[in-house]
Amino acid sequence: MGWAWGSFAVPDDPSRSGESDIHTPGPVRLLLQLTVFFGAVAALNFACLRRAVRRLLVIMVGYQVLAHDRIGRLLSH
């Protein structure tokens, strides 16, 4: 997942260096991002770490809300 996270990027993404190894459409990058973030929540749930699941889920949803401008940029590319 770390390789995919670093390699698949939207060209000229201002939140990164602006470079990408593998040019990726914005919606695909957003899907990868959501898979990584909420995959961690699912892994904690599978490990029966309910308190950690709740905390991380709140953090992840909060991040997605606060990053609405970046999400809009990803969807528009």
N, C-alpha and C. Protein backbone atom coordinates (compact mmCIF):
# COMPACT_ATOMS: atom_id res chain seq x y z
N MET A 1 0.82 -1.19 0.00
CA MET A 1 0.00 0.00 0.00
C MET A 1 0.87 1.25 0.00
N GLY A 2 1.98 1.20 0.70
CA GLY A 2 2.87 2.35 0.74
C GLY A 2 3.41 2.71 -0.64
N TRP A 3 3.75 1.69 -1.42
CA TRP A 3 4.23 1.94 -2.78
C TRP A 3 3.14 2.61 -3.61
N ALA A 4 1.92 2.09 -3.54
CA ALA A 4 0.82 2.66 -4.31
C ALA A 4 0.55 4.09 -3.85
N TRP A 5 0.59 4.32 -2.55
CA TRP A 5 0.33 5.65 -2.00
C TRP A 5 1.33 6.67 -2.55
N GLY A 6 2.57 6.27 -2.66
CA GLY A 6 3.60 7.18 -3.14
C GLY A 6 3.70 7.28 -4.65
N SER A 7 3.29 6.25 -5.36
CA SER A 7 3.49 6.21 -6.81
C SER A 7 2.32 6.75 -7.61
N PHE A 8 1.12 6.45 -7.20
CA PHE A 8 -0.07 6.89 -7.93
C PHE A 8 -0.44 8.30 -7.46
N ALA A 9 -0.28 9.26 -8.34
CA ALA A 9 -0.55 10.65 -7.96
C ALA A 9 -1.14 11.41 -9.13
N VAL A 10 -1.88 12.43 -8.79
CA VAL A 10 -2.45 13.31 -9.81
C VAL A 10 -1.35 14.28 -10.23
N PRO A 11 -1.10 14.41 -11.53
CA PRO A 11 -0.08 15.35 -11.98
C PRO A 11 -0.38 16.78 -11.51
N ASP A 12 0.66 17.48 -11.11
CA ASP A 12 0.56 18.88 -10.65
C ASP A 12 -0.30 19.04 -9.41
N ASP A 13 -0.33 18.02 -8.55
CA ASP A 13 -1.07 18.11 -7.28
C ASP A 13 -0.29 19.04 -6.36
N PRO A 14 -0.88 20.17 -5.95
CA PRO A 14 -0.14 21.12 -5.12
C PRO A 14 0.15 20.59 -3.71
N SER A 15 -0.55 19.56 -3.26
CA SER A 15 -0.29 19.02 -1.93
C SER A 15 0.89 18.05 -1.94
N ARG A 16 1.41 17.76 -3.13
CA ARG A 16 2.59 16.90 -3.28
C ARG A 16 3.66 17.72 -3.99
N SER A 17 4.68 17.10 -4.44
CA SER A 17 5.76 17.81 -5.13
C SER A 17 5.36 18.30 -6.50
N GLY A 18 4.20 17.87 -6.98
CA GLY A 18 3.77 18.22 -8.32
C GLY A 18 4.18 17.18 -9.34
N GLU A 19 4.99 16.24 -8.91
CA GLU A 19 5.44 15.16 -9.78
C GLU A 19 4.73 13.87 -9.39
N SER A 20 4.67 12.94 -10.33
CA SER A 20 4.09 11.64 -10.02
C SER A 20 4.78 10.57 -10.84
N ASP A 21 4.95 9.40 -10.25
CA ASP A 21 5.53 8.27 -10.96
C ASP A 21 4.53 7.70 -11.97
N ILE A 22 3.30 7.56 -11.51
CA ILE A 22 2.24 7.02 -12.35
C ILE A 22 1.10 8.04 -12.34
N HIS A 23 0.88 8.69 -13.48
CA HIS A 23 -0.19 9.68 -13.57
C HIS A 23 -1.54 9.00 -13.36
N THR A 24 -2.28 9.53 -12.43
CA THR A 24 -3.53 8.91 -12.01
C THR A 24 -4.65 9.94 -12.05
N PRO A 25 -5.81 9.59 -12.57
CA PRO A 25 -6.94 10.52 -12.50
C PRO A 25 -7.33 10.79 -11.05
N GLY A 26 -7.83 11.98 -10.80
CA GLY A 26 -8.19 12.38 -9.44
C GLY A 26 -9.14 11.43 -8.73
N PRO A 27 -10.24 10.99 -9.39
CA PRO A 27 -11.16 10.08 -8.70
C PRO A 27 -10.51 8.75 -8.30
N VAL A 28 -9.58 8.26 -9.12
CA VAL A 28 -8.88 7.02 -8.78
C VAL A 28 -7.98 7.25 -7.57
N ARG A 29 -7.30 8.39 -7.53
CA ARG A 29 -6.44 8.72 -6.38
C ARG A 29 -7.29 8.87 -5.12
N LEU A 30 -8.45 9.47 -5.23
CA LEU A 30 -9.34 9.61 -4.08
C LEU A 30 -9.78 8.24 -3.59
N LEU A 31 -10.10 7.34 -4.50
CA LEU A 31 -10.49 5.99 -4.12
C LEU A 31 -9.34 5.28 -3.40
N LEU A 32 -8.11 5.45 -3.89
CA LEU A 32 -6.95 4.87 -3.22
C LEU A 32 -6.79 5.44 -1.81
N GLN A 33 -6.95 6.75 -1.70
CA GLN A 33 -6.84 7.42 -0.40
C GLN A 33 -7.88 6.89 0.58
N LEU A 34 -9.12 6.78 0.14
CA LEU A 34 -10.18 6.28 1.01
C LEU A 34 -9.95 4.82 1.38
N THR A 35 -9.42 4.04 0.45
CA THR A 35 -9.12 2.64 0.73
C THR A 35 -8.07 2.52 1.82
N VAL A 36 -7.03 3.32 1.74
CA VAL A 36 -5.97 3.27 2.75
C VAL A 36 -6.50 3.72 4.11
N PHE A 37 -7.16 4.89 4.13
CA PHE A 37 -7.65 5.43 5.40
C PHE A 37 -8.67 4.50 6.07
N PHE A 38 -9.69 4.12 5.33
CA PHE A 38 -10.74 3.33 5.94
C PHE A 38 -10.38 1.85 6.01
N GLY A 39 -9.37 1.43 5.27
CA GLY A 39 -8.81 0.09 5.44
C GLY A 39 -8.16 -0.06 6.80
N ALA A 40 -7.52 1.00 7.27
CA ALA A 40 -6.94 0.98 8.61
C ALA A 40 -8.03 0.86 9.67
N VAL A 41 -9.13 1.54 9.46
CA VAL A 41 -10.26 1.43 10.38
C VAL A 41 -10.79 -0.01 10.39
N ALA A 42 -10.92 -0.59 9.21
CA ALA A 42 -11.42 -1.97 9.11
C ALA A 42 -10.45 -2.95 9.77
N ALA A 43 -9.15 -2.73 9.61
CA ALA A 43 -8.16 -3.62 10.24
C ALA A 43 -8.24 -3.55 11.76
N LEU A 44 -8.42 -2.36 12.29
CA LEU A 44 -8.57 -2.23 13.74
C LEU A 44 -9.86 -2.89 14.21
N ASN A 45 -10.91 -2.78 13.44
CA ASN A 45 -12.17 -3.43 13.78
C ASN A 45 -12.02 -4.95 13.77
N PHE A 46 -11.31 -5.46 12.79
CA PHE A 46 -11.06 -6.89 12.70
C PHE A 46 -10.24 -7.38 13.90
N ALA A 47 -9.37 -6.51 14.42
CA ALA A 47 -8.56 -6.86 15.59
C ALA A 47 -9.31 -6.64 16.91
N CYS A 48 -10.59 -6.28 16.80
CA CYS A 48 -11.46 -6.06 17.97
C CYS A 48 -10.98 -4.92 18.87
N LEU A 49 -10.40 -3.91 18.28
CA LEU A 49 -9.94 -2.73 19.02
C LEU A 49 -10.97 -1.62 18.84
N ARG A 50 -12.11 -1.81 19.46
CA ARG A 50 -13.27 -0.94 19.23
C ARG A 50 -13.01 0.52 19.59
N ARG A 51 -12.33 0.79 20.69
CA ARG A 51 -12.06 2.18 21.07
C ARG A 51 -11.18 2.85 20.02
N ALA A 52 -10.16 2.15 19.55
CA ALA A 52 -9.28 2.69 18.51
C ALA A 52 -10.06 2.89 17.21
N VAL A 53 -10.98 1.99 16.90
CA VAL A 53 -11.80 2.12 15.70
C VAL A 53 -12.60 3.42 15.76
N ARG A 54 -13.26 3.65 16.87
CA ARG A 54 -14.08 4.85 17.00
C ARG A 54 -13.23 6.12 16.87
N ARG A 55 -12.09 6.13 17.54
CA ARG A 55 -11.22 7.32 17.50
C ARG A 55 -10.69 7.56 16.10
N LEU A 56 -10.18 6.53 15.46
CA LEU A 56 -9.63 6.70 14.12
C LEU A 56 -10.72 7.06 13.12
N LEU A 57 -11.89 6.48 13.27
CA LEU A 57 -12.99 6.81 12.37
C LEU A 57 -13.38 8.28 12.48
N VAL A 58 -13.44 8.80 13.70
CA VAL A 58 -13.74 10.22 13.90
C VAL A 58 -12.65 11.08 13.26
N ILE A 59 -11.39 10.70 13.44
CA ILE A 59 -10.29 11.45 12.85
C ILE A 59 -10.37 11.41 11.32
N MET A 60 -10.62 10.24 10.75
CA MET A 60 -10.66 10.10 9.30
C MET A 60 -11.83 10.88 8.69
N VAL A 61 -12.99 10.80 9.30
CA VAL A 61 -14.14 11.55 8.78
C VAL A 61 -13.88 13.05 8.93
N GLY A 62 -13.31 13.44 10.07
CA GLY A 62 -12.98 14.85 10.26
C GLY A 62 -11.99 15.35 9.23
N TYR A 63 -10.99 14.54 8.93
CA TYR A 63 -10.01 14.92 7.91
C TYR A 63 -10.68 15.10 6.55
N GLN A 64 -11.55 14.17 6.19
CA GLN A 64 -12.23 14.26 4.90
C GLN A 64 -13.08 15.53 4.82
N VAL A 65 -13.71 15.90 5.91
CA VAL A 65 -14.53 17.12 5.94
C VAL A 65 -13.63 18.35 5.81
N LEU A 66 -12.53 18.37 6.57
CA LEU A 66 -11.63 19.52 6.52
C LEU A 66 -10.88 19.64 5.20
N ALA A 67 -10.70 18.52 4.51
CA ALA A 67 -9.97 18.52 3.24
C ALA A 67 -10.92 18.59 2.04
N HIS A 68 -12.09 19.18 2.24
CA HIS A 68 -13.09 19.22 1.16
C HIS A 68 -12.55 19.91 -0.08
N ASP A 69 -11.67 20.91 0.08
CA ASP A 69 -11.13 21.59 -1.10
C ASP A 69 -10.23 20.66 -1.91
N ARG A 70 -9.42 19.84 -1.22
CA ARG A 70 -8.55 18.88 -1.91
C ARG A 70 -9.39 17.80 -2.60
N ILE A 71 -10.43 17.35 -1.93
CA ILE A 71 -11.30 16.34 -2.51
C ILE A 71 -11.98 16.89 -3.77
N GLY A 72 -12.42 18.14 -3.71
CA GLY A 72 -12.99 18.76 -4.88
C GLY A 72 -11.99 18.86 -6.03
N ARG A 73 -10.73 19.17 -5.70
CA ARG A 73 -9.69 19.23 -6.72
C ARG A 73 -9.45 17.86 -7.35
N LEU A 74 -9.43 16.82 -6.50
CA LEU A 74 -9.23 15.47 -7.02
C LEU A 74 -10.38 15.05 -7.94
N LEU A 75 -11.58 15.38 -7.57
CA LEU A 75 -12.73 15.00 -8.39
C LEU A 75 -12.79 15.78 -9.70
N SER A 76 -12.19 16.96 -9.73
CA SER A 76 -12.23 17.76 -10.95
C SER A 76 -11.12 17.42 -11.94
N HIS A 77 -10.14 16.63 -11.51
CA HIS A 77 -9.03 16.26 -12.41
C HIS A 77 -9.31 14.93 -13.05
